[in-house]
Amino acid sequence: MSGADEAGRLVRPFALTRGRTRPSRADFTLITTVTAVDPPPDRAARPQPEQARILRLCARPVAVAELAAHLDLPVSVVVIMLCDLLEADLITARPPHPVSGATPDLDLLQKVRDGLGRL
């Protein structure tokens, strides 16, 4: 058995998005919180395997960036799949809560960015 067979079915990102390269909505950022609707609507079509995996991961609120990391897929691909799930009413998406009155510490943000770049 080859390594690809042992790792499971290999699905190309363009197949997951049905060839689409742009999301149909602008609801998602890296820190948008996504949660599966429980129970799913009665009219909901059976999700594709990758969508079902997203729904399992979204049983609790999870950020888009975290989903992409768990799925080992580019964020752009995950966002396109999330748009499909949102349009099917299978998930909810919540933007991050703004921090009122606080100004970001740009020096700290630069250090975090530099640290992430070294990973």
PDB file of N, CA and C in Angstrom:
ATOM      1  N   MET A   1       0.851  -1.182   0.000  1.00  0.00           N
ATOM      2  CA  MET A   1       0.000   0.000   0.000  1.00  0.00           C
ATOM      3  C   MET A   1       0.892   1.239   0.000  1.00  0.00           C
ATOM      4  N   SER A   2       0.605   2.202  -0.836  1.00  0.00           N
ATOM      5  CA  SER A   2       1.444   3.400  -0.918  1.00  0.00           C
ATOM      6  C   SER A   2       1.136   4.359   0.224  1.00  0.00           C
ATOM      7  N   GLY A   3       2.020   5.336   0.428  1.00  0.00           N
ATOM      8  CA  GLY A   3       1.837   6.331   1.485  1.00  0.00           C
ATOM      9  C   GLY A   3       0.558   7.121   1.325  1.00  0.00           C
ATOM     10  N   ALA A   4       0.195   7.442   0.073  1.00  0.00           N
ATOM     11  CA  ALA A   4      -1.045   8.188  -0.162  1.00  0.00           C
ATOM     12  C   ALA A   4      -2.254   7.353   0.229  1.00  0.00           C
ATOM     13  N   ASP A   5      -2.212   6.029  -0.044  1.00  0.00           N
ATOM     14  CA  ASP A   5      -3.316   5.163   0.331  1.00  0.00           C
ATOM     15  C   ASP A   5      -3.439   5.054   1.843  1.00  0.00           C
ATOM     16  N   GLU A   6      -2.303   4.949   2.529  1.00  0.00           N
ATOM     17  CA  GLU A   6      -2.312   4.854   3.992  1.00  0.00           C
ATOM     18  C   GLU A   6      -2.843   6.127   4.625  1.00  0.00           C
ATOM     19  N   ALA A   7      -2.549   7.259   4.037  1.00  0.00           N
ATOM     20  CA  ALA A   7      -2.975   8.543   4.592  1.00  0.00           C
ATOM     21  C   ALA A   7      -4.436   8.825   4.292  1.00  0.00           C
ATOM     22  N   GLY A   8      -5.038   8.049   3.426  1.00  0.00           N
ATOM     23  CA  GLY A   8      -6.435   8.278   3.067  1.00  0.00           C
ATOM     24  C   GLY A   8      -6.539   8.887   1.686  1.00  0.00           C
ATOM     25  N   ARG A   9      -7.735   9.165   1.296  1.00  0.00           N
ATOM     26  CA  ARG A   9      -8.006   9.692  -0.028  1.00  0.00           C
ATOM     27  C   ARG A   9      -7.430  11.095  -0.161  1.00  0.00           C
ATOM     28  N   LEU A  10      -6.722  11.315  -1.249  1.00  0.00           N
ATOM     29  CA  LEU A  10      -6.153  12.636  -1.522  1.00  0.00           C
ATOM     30  C   LEU A  10      -7.128  13.401  -2.407  1.00  0.00           C
ATOM     31  N   VAL A  11      -7.618  14.525  -1.906  1.00  0.00           N
ATOM     32  CA  VAL A  11      -8.552  15.354  -2.658  1.00  0.00           C
ATOM     33  C   VAL A  11      -7.883  16.695  -2.901  1.00  0.00           C
ATOM     34  N   ARG A  12      -7.808  17.076  -4.142  1.00  0.00           N
ATOM     35  CA  ARG A  12      -7.206  18.356  -4.502  1.00  0.00           C
ATOM     36  C   ARG A  12      -8.094  19.503  -4.051  1.00  0.00           C
ATOM     37  N   PRO A  13      -7.493  20.617  -3.612  1.00  0.00           N
ATOM     38  CA  PRO A  13      -8.301  21.759  -3.156  1.00  0.00           C
ATOM     39  C   PRO A  13      -9.325  22.241  -4.177  1.00  0.00           C
ATOM     40  N   PHE A  14      -8.982  22.224  -5.480  1.00  0.00           N
ATOM     41  CA  PHE A  14      -9.951  22.713  -6.469  1.00  0.00           C
ATOM     42  C   PHE A  14     -11.170  21.804  -6.539  1.00  0.00           C
ATOM     43  N   ALA A  15     -11.009  20.533  -6.182  1.00  0.00           N
ATOM     44  CA  ALA A  15     -12.157  19.629  -6.168  1.00  0.00           C
ATOM     45  C   ALA A  15     -13.065  19.940  -4.977  1.00  0.00           C
ATOM     46  N   LEU A  16     -12.470  20.332  -3.859  1.00  0.00           N
ATOM     47  CA  LEU A  16     -13.251  20.669  -2.674  1.00  0.00           C
ATOM     48  C   LEU A  16     -14.108  21.907  -2.902  1.00  0.00           C
ATOM     49  N   THR A  17     -13.608  22.809  -3.727  1.00  0.00           N
ATOM     50  CA  THR A  17     -14.328  24.066  -3.983  1.00  0.00           C
ATOM     51  C   THR A  17     -15.076  24.033  -5.310  1.00  0.00           C
ATOM     52  N   ARG A  18     -15.083  22.884  -5.964  1.00  0.00           N
ATOM     53  CA  ARG A  18     -15.712  22.723  -7.288  1.00  0.00           C
ATOM     54  C   ARG A  18     -15.159  23.747  -8.283  1.00  0.00           C
ATOM     55  N   GLY A  19     -13.854  23.972  -8.200  1.00  0.00           N
ATOM     56  CA  GLY A  19     -13.178  24.856  -9.134  1.00  0.00           C
ATOM     57  C   GLY A  19     -13.245  26.331  -8.809  1.00  0.00           C
ATOM     58  N   ARG A  20     -13.983  26.693  -7.774  1.00  0.00           N
ATOM     59  CA  ARG A  20     -14.100  28.115  -7.426  1.00  0.00           C
ATOM     60  C   ARG A  20     -12.822  28.593  -6.737  1.00  0.00           C
ATOM     61  N   THR A  21     -12.456  29.821  -7.011  1.00  0.00           N
ATOM     62  CA  THR A  21     -11.248  30.386  -6.412  1.00  0.00           C
ATOM     63  C   THR A  21     -11.546  31.563  -5.488  1.00  0.00           C
ATOM     64  N   ARG A  22     -12.805  31.984  -5.465  1.00  0.00           N
ATOM     65  CA  ARG A  22     -13.193  33.120  -4.621  1.00  0.00           C
ATOM     66  C   ARG A  22     -14.428  32.748  -3.810  1.00  0.00           C
ATOM     67  N   PRO A  23     -14.461  33.212  -2.560  1.00  0.00           N
ATOM     68  CA  PRO A  23     -15.657  32.949  -1.751  1.00  0.00           C
ATOM     69  C   PRO A  23     -16.853  33.728  -2.276  1.00  0.00           C
ATOM     70  N   SER A  24     -18.035  33.209  -2.017  1.00  0.00           N
ATOM     71  CA  SER A  24     -19.257  33.863  -2.473  1.00  0.00           C
ATOM     72  C   SER A  24     -19.709  34.967  -1.523  1.00  0.00           C
ATOM     73  N   ARG A  25     -19.065  35.046  -0.368  1.00  0.00           N
ATOM     74  CA  ARG A  25     -19.424  36.043   0.651  1.00  0.00           C
ATOM     75  C   ARG A  25     -18.154  36.600   1.279  1.00  0.00           C
ATOM     76  N   ALA A  26     -18.318  37.699   2.018  1.00  0.00           N
ATOM     77  CA  ALA A  26     -17.171  38.313   2.693  1.00  0.00           C
ATOM     78  C   ALA A  26     -17.321  38.211   4.208  1.00  0.00           C
ATOM     79  N   ASP A  27     -17.982  37.162   4.702  1.00  0.00           N
ATOM     80  CA  ASP A  27     -18.249  37.019   6.135  1.00  0.00           C
ATOM     81  C   ASP A  27     -17.045  36.545   6.947  1.00  0.00           C
ATOM     82  N   PHE A  28     -16.039  35.998   6.298  1.00  0.00           N
ATOM     83  CA  PHE A  28     -14.998  35.280   7.029  1.00  0.00           C
ATOM     84  C   PHE A  28     -13.650  35.981   7.008  1.00  0.00           C
ATOM     85  N   THR A  29     -13.070  36.102   8.199  1.00  0.00           N
ATOM     86  CA  THR A  29     -11.684  36.516   8.372  1.00  0.00           C
ATOM     87  C   THR A  29     -10.984  35.367   9.094  1.00  0.00           C
ATOM     88  N   LEU A  30      -9.713  35.493   9.327  1.00  0.00           N
ATOM     89  CA  LEU A  30      -8.984  34.440  10.035  1.00  0.00           C
ATOM     90  C   LEU A  30      -9.524  34.193  11.439  1.00  0.00           C
ATOM     91  N   ILE A  31     -10.075  35.234  12.063  1.00  0.00           N
ATOM     92  CA  ILE A  31     -10.520  35.089  13.445  1.00  0.00           C
ATOM     93  C   ILE A  31     -12.034  35.074  13.596  1.00  0.00           C
ATOM     94  N   THR A  32     -12.750  34.925  12.485  1.00  0.00           N
ATOM     95  CA  THR A  32     -14.201  34.734  12.569  1.00  0.00           C
ATOM     96  C   THR A  32     -14.457  33.406  13.279  1.00  0.00           C
ATOM     97  N   THR A  33     -15.410  33.403  14.197  1.00  0.00           N
ATOM     98  CA  THR A  33     -15.753  32.187  14.934  1.00  0.00           C
ATOM     99  C   THR A  33     -16.904  31.481  14.232  1.00  0.00           C
ATOM    100  N   VAL A  34     -16.717  30.195  13.996  1.00  0.00           N
ATOM    101  CA  VAL A  34     -17.695  29.388  13.271  1.00  0.00           C
ATOM    102  C   VAL A  34     -18.227  28.304  14.210  1.00  0.00           C
ATOM    103  N   THR A  35     -19.552  28.086  14.177  1.00  0.00           N
ATOM    104  CA  THR A  35     -20.182  27.058  15.004  1.00  0.00           C
ATOM    105  C   THR A  35     -21.211  26.319  14.158  1.00  0.00           C
ATOM    106  N   ALA A  36     -21.244  24.998  14.298  1.00  0.00           N
ATOM    107  CA  ALA A  36     -22.241  24.193  13.584  1.00  0.00           C
ATOM    108  C   ALA A  36     -23.611  24.433  14.189  1.00  0.00           C
ATOM    109  N   VAL A  37     -24.625  24.449  13.348  1.00  0.00           N
ATOM    110  CA  VAL A  37     -26.003  24.586  13.805  1.00  0.00           C
ATOM    111  C   VAL A  37     -26.444  23.222  14.334  1.00  0.00           C
ATOM    112  N   ASP A  38     -26.992  23.214  15.536  1.00  0.00           N
ATOM    113  CA  ASP A  38     -27.420  21.960  16.144  1.00  0.00           C
ATOM    114  C   ASP A  38     -28.838  22.101  16.659  1.00  0.00           C
ATOM    115  N   PRO A  39     -29.765  21.351  16.159  1.00  0.00           N
ATOM    116  CA  PRO A  39     -29.626  20.350  15.098  1.00  0.00           C
ATOM    117  C   PRO A  39     -29.637  21.024  13.734  1.00  0.00           C
ATOM    118  N   PRO A  40     -29.084  20.331  12.729  1.00  0.00           N
ATOM    119  CA  PRO A  40     -29.093  20.915  11.382  1.00  0.00           C
ATOM    120  C   PRO A  40     -30.515  21.037  10.865  1.00  0.00           C
ATOM    121  N   PRO A  41     -30.752  21.972   9.957  1.00  0.00           N
ATOM    122  CA  PRO A  41     -32.100  22.138   9.405  1.00  0.00           C
ATOM    123  C   PRO A  41     -32.565  20.864   8.698  1.00  0.00           C
ATOM    124  N   ASP A  42     -33.866  20.609   8.737  1.00  0.00           N
ATOM    125  CA  ASP A  42     -34.435  19.409   8.109  1.00  0.00           C
ATOM    126  C   ASP A  42     -34.171  19.367   6.607  1.00  0.00           C
ATOM    127  N   ARG A  43     -34.160  20.513   5.976  1.00  0.00           N
ATOM    128  CA  ARG A  43     -34.007  20.572   4.529  1.00  0.00           C
ATOM    129  C   ARG A  43     -32.559  20.446   4.068  1.00  0.00           C
ATOM    130  N   ALA A  44     -31.633  20.354   5.008  1.00  0.00           N
ATOM    131  CA  ALA A  44     -30.216  20.346   4.658  1.00  0.00           C
ATOM    132  C   ALA A  44     -29.854  19.085   3.874  1.00  0.00           C
ATOM    133  N   ALA A  45     -29.129  19.293   2.786  1.00  0.00           N
ATOM    134  CA  ALA A  45     -28.631  18.172   1.999  1.00  0.00           C
ATOM    135  C   ALA A  45     -27.494  17.501   2.767  1.00  0.00           C
ATOM    136  N   ARG A  46     -27.253  16.270   2.441  1.00  0.00           N
ATOM    137  CA  ARG A  46     -26.164  15.554   3.104  1.00  0.00           C
ATOM    138  C   ARG A  46     -24.837  16.207   2.711  1.00  0.00           C
ATOM    139  N   PRO A  47     -24.036  16.609   3.695  1.00  0.00           N
ATOM    140  CA  PRO A  47     -22.777  17.293   3.360  1.00  0.00           C
ATOM    141  C   PRO A  47     -21.754  16.330   2.765  1.00  0.00           C
ATOM    142  N   GLN A  48     -20.859  16.886   1.963  1.00  0.00           N
ATOM    143  CA  GLN A  48     -19.735  16.128   1.439  1.00  0.00           C
ATOM    144  C   GLN A  48     -18.836  15.721   2.612  1.00  0.00           C
ATOM    145  N   PRO A  49     -17.974  14.708   2.443  1.00  0.00           N
ATOM    146  CA  PRO A  49     -17.130  14.257   3.562  1.00  0.00           C
ATOM    147  C   PRO A  49     -16.312  15.379   4.207  1.00  0.00           C
ATOM    148  N   GLU A  50     -15.755  16.268   3.390  1.00  0.00           N
ATOM    149  CA  GLU A  50     -14.941  17.352   3.946  1.00  0.00           C
ATOM    150  C   GLU A  50     -15.813  18.346   4.711  1.00  0.00           C
ATOM    151  N   GLN A  51     -17.019  18.589   4.197  1.00  0.00           N
ATOM    152  CA  GLN A  51     -17.948  19.470   4.907  1.00  0.00           C
ATOM    153  C   GLN A  51     -18.386  18.832   6.221  1.00  0.00           C
ATOM    154  N   ALA A  52     -18.612  17.534   6.214  1.00  0.00           N
ATOM    155  CA  ALA A  52     -18.997  16.835   7.446  1.00  0.00           C
ATOM    156  C   ALA A  52     -17.878  16.938   8.483  1.00  0.00           C
ATOM    157  N   ARG A  53     -16.648  16.863   8.028  1.00  0.00           N
ATOM    158  CA  ARG A  53     -15.508  17.018   8.947  1.00  0.00           C
ATOM    159  C   ARG A  53     -15.488  18.423   9.545  1.00  0.00           C
ATOM    160  N   ILE A  54     -15.743  19.427   8.720  1.00  0.00           N
ATOM    161  CA  ILE A  54     -15.817  20.803   9.223  1.00  0.00           C
ATOM    162  C   ILE A  54     -16.916  20.904  10.277  1.00  0.00           C
ATOM    163  N   LEU A  55     -18.073  20.327  10.002  1.00  0.00           N
ATOM    164  CA  LEU A  55     -19.185  20.404  10.951  1.00  0.00           C
ATOM    165  C   LEU A  55     -18.834  19.731  12.274  1.00  0.00           C
ATOM    166  N   ARG A  56     -18.112  18.624  12.223  1.00  0.00           N
ATOM    167  CA  ARG A  56     -17.682  17.976  13.482  1.00  0.00           C
ATOM    168  C   ARG A  56     -16.720  18.879  14.250  1.00  0.00           C
ATOM    169  N   LEU A  57     -15.794  19.506  13.539  1.00  0.00           N
ATOM    170  CA  LEU A  57     -14.837  20.400  14.194  1.00  0.00           C
ATOM    171  C   LEU A  57     -15.521  21.637  14.764  1.00  0.00           C
ATOM    172  N   CYS A  58     -16.646  22.011  14.174  1.00  0.00           N
ATOM    173  CA  CYS A  58     -17.372  23.207  14.601  1.00  0.00           C
ATOM    174  C   CYS A  58     -18.453  22.903  15.635  1.00  0.00           C
ATOM    175  N   ALA A  59     -18.403  21.740  16.243  1.00  0.00           N
ATOM    176  CA  ALA A  59     -19.376  21.427  17.299  1.00  0.00           C
ATOM    177  C   ALA A  59     -19.248  22.442  18.429  1.00  0.00           C
ATOM    178  N   ARG A  60     -18.057  22.942  18.619  1.00  0.00           N
ATOM    179  CA  ARG A  60     -17.809  24.050  19.543  1.00  0.00           C
ATOM    180  C   ARG A  60     -17.292  25.212  18.691  1.00  0.00           C
ATOM    181  N   PRO A  61     -17.443  26.435  19.154  1.00  0.00           N
ATOM    182  CA  PRO A  61     -16.950  27.575  18.354  1.00  0.00           C
ATOM    183  C   PRO A  61     -15.453  27.442  18.055  1.00  0.00           C
ATOM    184  N   VAL A  62     -15.101  27.685  16.814  1.00  0.00           N
ATOM    185  CA  VAL A  62     -13.711  27.566  16.384  1.00  0.00           C
ATOM    186  C   VAL A  62     -13.418  28.659  15.360  1.00  0.00           C
ATOM    187  N   ALA A  63     -12.211  29.191  15.389  1.00  0.00           N
ATOM    188  CA  ALA A  63     -11.804  30.242  14.449  1.00  0.00           C
ATOM    189  C   ALA A  63     -11.471  29.638  13.089  1.00  0.00           C
ATOM    190  N   VAL A  64     -11.656  30.418  12.045  1.00  0.00           N
ATOM    191  CA  VAL A  64     -11.380  29.983  10.679  1.00  0.00           C
ATOM    192  C   VAL A  64      -9.930  29.513  10.550  1.00  0.00           C
ATOM    193  N   ALA A  65      -8.997  30.243  11.113  1.00  0.00           N
ATOM    194  CA  ALA A  65      -7.582  29.860  11.023  1.00  0.00           C
ATOM    195  C   ALA A  65      -7.334  28.514  11.689  1.00  0.00           C
ATOM    196  N   GLU A  66      -7.991  28.272  12.809  1.00  0.00           N
ATOM    197  CA  GLU A  66      -7.836  26.998  13.503  1.00  0.00           C
ATOM    198  C   GLU A  66      -8.418  25.854  12.662  1.00  0.00           C
ATOM    199  N   LEU A  67      -9.554  26.098  12.033  1.00  0.00           N
ATOM    200  CA  LEU A  67     -10.144  25.090  11.154  1.00  0.00           C
ATOM    201  C   LEU A  67      -9.184  24.723  10.027  1.00  0.00           C
ATOM    202  N   ALA A  68      -8.621  25.719   9.387  1.00  0.00           N
ATOM    203  CA  ALA A  68      -7.686  25.473   8.292  1.00  0.00           C
ATOM    204  C   ALA A  68      -6.502  24.644   8.768  1.00  0.00           C
ATOM    205  N   ALA A  69      -6.015  24.934   9.968  1.00  0.00           N
ATOM    206  CA  ALA A  69      -4.893  24.175  10.519  1.00  0.00           C
ATOM    207  C   ALA A  69      -5.286  22.722  10.780  1.00  0.00           C
ATOM    208  N   HIS A  70      -6.451  22.508  11.368  1.00  0.00           N
ATOM    209  CA  HIS A  70      -6.917  21.137  11.640  1.00  0.00           C
ATOM    210  C   HIS A  70      -7.140  20.354  10.348  1.00  0.00           C
ATOM    211  N   LEU A  71      -7.632  21.030   9.326  1.00  0.00           N
ATOM    212  CA  LEU A  71      -7.936  20.371   8.054  1.00  0.00           C
ATOM    213  C   LEU A  71      -6.706  20.249   7.155  1.00  0.00           C
ATOM    214  N   ASP A  72      -5.635  20.966   7.509  1.00  0.00           N
ATOM    215  CA  ASP A  72      -4.414  21.010   6.703  1.00  0.00           C
ATOM    216  C   ASP A  72      -4.733  21.446   5.267  1.00  0.00           C
ATOM    217  N   LEU A  73      -5.526  22.517   5.179  1.00  0.00           N
ATOM    218  CA  LEU A  73      -5.924  23.089   3.896  1.00  0.00           C
ATOM    219  C   LEU A  73      -5.654  24.589   3.907  1.00  0.00           C
ATOM    220  N   PRO A  74      -5.470  25.185   2.737  1.00  0.00           N
ATOM    221  CA  PRO A  74      -5.322  26.640   2.679  1.00  0.00           C
ATOM    222  C   PRO A  74      -6.582  27.330   3.202  1.00  0.00           C
ATOM    223  N   VAL A  75      -6.397  28.453   3.863  1.00  0.00           N
ATOM    224  CA  VAL A  75      -7.519  29.208   4.408  1.00  0.00           C
ATOM    225  C   VAL A  75      -8.514  29.556   3.309  1.00  0.00           C
ATOM    226  N   SER A  76      -8.023  29.912   2.135  1.00  0.00           N
ATOM    227  CA  SER A  76      -8.923  30.292   1.041  1.00  0.00           C
ATOM    228  C   SER A  76      -9.865  29.148   0.671  1.00  0.00           C
ATOM    229  N   VAL A  77      -9.397  27.928   0.698  1.00  0.00           N
ATOM    230  CA  VAL A  77     -10.239  26.766   0.384  1.00  0.00           C
ATOM    231  C   VAL A  77     -11.268  26.556   1.492  1.00  0.00           C
ATOM    232  N   VAL A  78     -10.824  26.668   2.739  1.00  0.00           N
ATOM    233  CA  VAL A  78     -11.735  26.497   3.871  1.00  0.00           C
ATOM    234  C   VAL A  78     -12.824  27.563   3.839  1.00  0.00           C
ATOM    235  N   VAL A  79     -12.467  28.792   3.519  1.00  0.00           N
ATOM    236  CA  VAL A  79     -13.457  29.878   3.475  1.00  0.00           C
ATOM    237  C   VAL A  79     -14.512  29.598   2.402  1.00  0.00           C
ATOM    238  N   ILE A  80     -14.116  29.103   1.259  1.00  0.00           N
ATOM    239  CA  ILE A  80     -15.090  28.785   0.209  1.00  0.00           C
ATOM    240  C   ILE A  80     -16.044  27.700   0.699  1.00  0.00           C
ATOM    241  N   MET A  81     -15.516  26.673   1.370  1.00  0.00           N
ATOM    242  CA  MET A  81     -16.380  25.610   1.894  1.00  0.00           C
ATOM    243  C   MET A  81     -17.276  26.147   3.009  1.00  0.00           C
ATOM    244  N   LEU A  82     -16.755  27.055   3.833  1.00  0.00           N
ATOM    245  CA  LEU A  82     -17.573  27.657   4.890  1.00  0.00           C
ATOM    246  C   LEU A  82     -18.710  28.487   4.298  1.00  0.00           C
ATOM    247  N   CYS A  83     -18.456  29.181   3.198  1.00  0.00           N
ATOM    248  CA  CYS A  83     -19.522  29.947   2.538  1.00  0.00           C
ATOM    249  C   CYS A  83     -20.664  29.019   2.138  1.00  0.00           C
ATOM    250  N   ASP A  84     -20.316  27.861   1.586  1.00  0.00           N
ATOM    251  CA  ASP A  84     -21.347  26.890   1.198  1.00  0.00           C
ATOM    252  C   ASP A  84     -22.148  26.435   2.414  1.00  0.00           C
ATOM    253  N   LEU A  85     -21.458  26.147   3.516  1.00  0.00           N
ATOM    254  CA  LEU A  85     -22.133  25.690   4.733  1.00  0.00           C
ATOM    255  C   LEU A  85     -22.998  26.792   5.338  1.00  0.00           C
ATOM    256  N   LEU A  86     -22.531  28.036   5.287  1.00  0.00           N
ATOM    257  CA  LEU A  86     -23.310  29.157   5.812  1.00  0.00           C
ATOM    258  C   LEU A  86     -24.573  29.368   4.968  1.00  0.00           C
ATOM    259  N   GLU A  87     -24.434  29.289   3.668  1.00  0.00           N
ATOM    260  CA  GLU A  87     -25.574  29.465   2.775  1.00  0.00           C
ATOM    261  C   GLU A  87     -26.590  28.332   2.925  1.00  0.00           C
ATOM    262  N   ALA A  88     -26.131  27.157   3.381  1.00  0.00           N
ATOM    263  CA  ALA A  88     -27.037  26.031   3.623  1.00  0.00           C
ATOM    264  C   ALA A  88     -27.590  26.052   5.050  1.00  0.00           C
ATOM    265  N   ASP A  89     -27.265  27.110   5.806  1.00  0.00           N
ATOM    266  CA  ASP A  89     -27.707  27.267   7.195  1.00  0.00           C
ATOM    267  C   ASP A  89     -27.204  26.148   8.109  1.00  0.00           C
ATOM    268  N   LEU A  90     -26.023  25.606   7.812  1.00  0.00           N
ATOM    269  CA  LEU A  90     -25.448  24.534   8.632  1.00  0.00           C
ATOM    270  C   LEU A  90     -24.462  25.059   9.665  1.00  0.00           C
ATOM    271  N   ILE A  91     -24.027  26.307   9.505  1.00  0.00           N
ATOM    272  CA  ILE A  91     -23.121  26.928  10.469  1.00  0.00           C
ATOM    273  C   ILE A  91     -23.570  28.359  10.729  1.00  0.00           C
ATOM    274  N   THR A  92     -23.057  28.907  11.823  1.00  0.00           N
ATOM    275  CA  THR A  92     -23.178  30.340  12.069  1.00  0.00           C
ATOM    276  C   THR A  92     -21.766  30.914  12.090  1.00  0.00           C
ATOM    277  N   ALA A  93     -21.646  32.157  11.711  1.00  0.00           N
ATOM    278  CA  ALA A  93     -20.345  32.832  11.699  1.00  0.00           C
ATOM    279  C   ALA A  93     -20.472  34.114  12.496  1.00  0.00           C
ATOM    280  N   ARG A  94     -19.562  34.285  13.428  1.00  0.00           N
ATOM    281  CA  ARG A  94     -19.575  35.492  14.256  1.00  0.00           C
ATOM    282  C   ARG A  94     -18.249  36.221  14.113  1.00  0.00           C
ATOM    283  N   PRO A  95     -18.319  37.504  13.778  1.00  0.00           N
ATOM    284  CA  PRO A  95     -17.072  38.273  13.689  1.00  0.00           C
ATOM    285  C   PRO A  95     -16.474  38.445  15.073  1.00  0.00           C
ATOM    286  N   PRO A  96     -15.188  38.737  15.133  1.00  0.00           N
ATOM    287  CA  PRO A  96     -14.557  38.950  16.440  1.00  0.00           C
ATOM    288  C   PRO A  96     -15.162  40.157  17.142  1.00  0.00           C
ATOM    289  N   HIS A  97     -15.183  40.097  18.462  1.00  0.00           N
ATOM    290  CA  HIS A  97     -15.679  41.219  19.237  1.00  0.00           C
ATOM    291  C   HIS A  97     -14.611  42.303  19.283  1.00  0.00           C
ATOM    292  N   PRO A  98     -14.958  43.512  18.894  1.00  0.00           N
ATOM    293  CA  PRO A  98     -13.959  44.586  18.959  1.00  0.00           C
ATOM    294  C   PRO A  98     -13.634  44.920  20.411  1.00  0.00           C
ATOM    295  N   VAL A  99     -12.390  45.256  20.627  1.00  0.00           N
ATOM    296  CA  VAL A  99     -11.957  45.685  21.950  1.00  0.00           C
ATOM    297  C   VAL A  99     -12.078  47.199  21.974  1.00  0.00           C
ATOM    298  N   SER A 100     -13.028  47.686  22.752  1.00  0.00           N
ATOM    299  CA  SER A 100     -13.277  49.123  22.757  1.00  0.00           C
ATOM    300  C   SER A 100     -12.277  49.845  23.654  1.00  0.00           C
ATOM    301  N   GLY A 101     -11.825  50.968  23.173  1.00  0.00           N
ATOM    302  CA  GLY A 101     -10.956  51.831  23.961  1.00  0.00           C
ATOM    303  C   GLY A 101      -9.500  51.402  24.019  1.00  0.00           C
ATOM    304  N   ALA A 102      -9.183  50.215  23.532  1.00  0.00           N
ATOM    305  CA  ALA A 102      -7.797  49.742  23.608  1.00  0.00           C
ATOM    306  C   ALA A 102      -7.099  50.004  22.281  1.00  0.00           C
ATOM    307  N   THR A 103      -5.876  50.478  22.372  1.00  0.00           N
ATOM    308  CA  THR A 103      -5.073  50.647  21.170  1.00  0.00           C
ATOM    309  C   THR A 103      -4.061  49.509  21.137  1.00  0.00           C
ATOM    310  N   PRO A 104      -3.845  48.933  19.980  1.00  0.00           N
ATOM    311  CA  PRO A 104      -2.928  47.800  19.903  1.00  0.00           C
ATOM    312  C   PRO A 104      -1.496  48.220  20.191  1.00  0.00           C
ATOM    313  N   ASP A 105      -0.770  47.352  20.863  1.00  0.00           N
ATOM    314  CA  ASP A 105       0.647  47.565  21.125  1.00  0.00           C
ATOM    315  C   ASP A 105       1.389  47.100  19.878  1.00  0.00           C
ATOM    316  N   LEU A 106       1.769  48.039  19.026  1.00  0.00           N
ATOM    317  CA  LEU A 106       2.381  47.694  17.747  1.00  0.00           C
ATOM    318  C   LEU A 106       3.711  46.975  17.912  1.00  0.00           C
ATOM    319  N   ASP A 107       4.463  47.309  18.950  1.00  0.00           N
ATOM    320  CA  ASP A 107       5.733  46.628  19.194  1.00  0.00           C
ATOM    321  C   ASP A 107       5.484  45.151  19.523  1.00  0.00           C
ATOM    322  N   LEU A 108       4.504  44.890  20.369  1.00  0.00           N
ATOM    323  CA  LEU A 108       4.167  43.506  20.713  1.00  0.00           C
ATOM    324  C   LEU A 108       3.666  42.749  19.489  1.00  0.00           C
ATOM    325  N   LEU A 109       2.816  43.380  18.698  1.00  0.00           N
ATOM    326  CA  LEU A 109       2.311  42.732  17.490  1.00  0.00           C
ATOM    327  C   LEU A 109       3.443  42.402  16.521  1.00  0.00           C
ATOM    328  N   GLN A 110       4.415  43.291  16.398  1.00  0.00           N
ATOM    329  CA  GLN A 110       5.562  43.035  15.518  1.00  0.00           C
ATOM    330  C   GLN A 110       6.370  41.851  16.026  1.00  0.00           C
ATOM    331  N   LYS A 111       6.559  41.756  17.345  1.00  0.00           N
ATOM    332  CA  LYS A 111       7.303  40.633  17.922  1.00  0.00           C
ATOM    333  C   LYS A 111       6.563  39.310  17.691  1.00  0.00           C
ATOM    334  N   VAL A 112       5.257  39.334  17.824  1.00  0.00           N
ATOM    335  CA  VAL A 112       4.464  38.118  17.564  1.00  0.00           C
ATOM    336  C   VAL A 112       4.582  37.733  16.104  1.00  0.00           C
ATOM    337  N   ARG A 113       4.465  38.713  15.216  1.00  0.00           N
ATOM    338  CA  ARG A 113       4.597  38.441  13.774  1.00  0.00           C
ATOM    339  C   ARG A 113       5.960  37.864  13.443  1.00  0.00           C
ATOM    340  N   ASP A 114       7.011  38.438  14.014  1.00  0.00           N
ATOM    341  CA  ASP A 114       8.354  37.948  13.762  1.00  0.00           C
ATOM    342  C   ASP A 114       8.521  36.509  14.294  1.00  0.00           C
ATOM    343  N   GLY A 115       7.956  36.262  15.475  1.00  0.00           N
ATOM    344  CA  GLY A 115       8.037  34.917  16.044  1.00  0.00           C
ATOM    345  C   GLY A 115       7.313  33.889  15.198  1.00  0.00           C
ATOM    346  N   LEU A 116       6.144  34.260  14.697  1.00  0.00           N
ATOM    347  CA  LEU A 116       5.393  33.351  13.834  1.00  0.00           C
ATOM    348  C   LEU A 116       6.135  33.093  12.523  1.00  0.00           C
ATOM    349  N   GLY A 117       6.813  34.127  12.040  1.00  0.00           N
ATOM    350  CA  GLY A 117       7.573  33.979  10.807  1.00  0.00           C
ATOM    351  C   GLY A 117       8.743  33.019  10.948  1.00  0.00           C
ATOM    352  N   ARG A 118       9.259  32.885  12.165  1.00  0.00           N
ATOM    353  CA  ARG A 118      10.361  31.973  12.417  1.00  0.00           C
ATOM    354  C   ARG A 118       9.905  30.527  12.559  1.00  0.00           C
ATOM    355  N   LEU A 119       8.612  30.296  12.710  1.00  0.00           N
ATOM    356  CA  LEU A 119       8.117  28.917  12.888  1.00  0.00           C
ATOM    357  C   LEU A 119       8.239  28.102  11.664  1.00  0.00           C
TER     358      LEU A 119
END
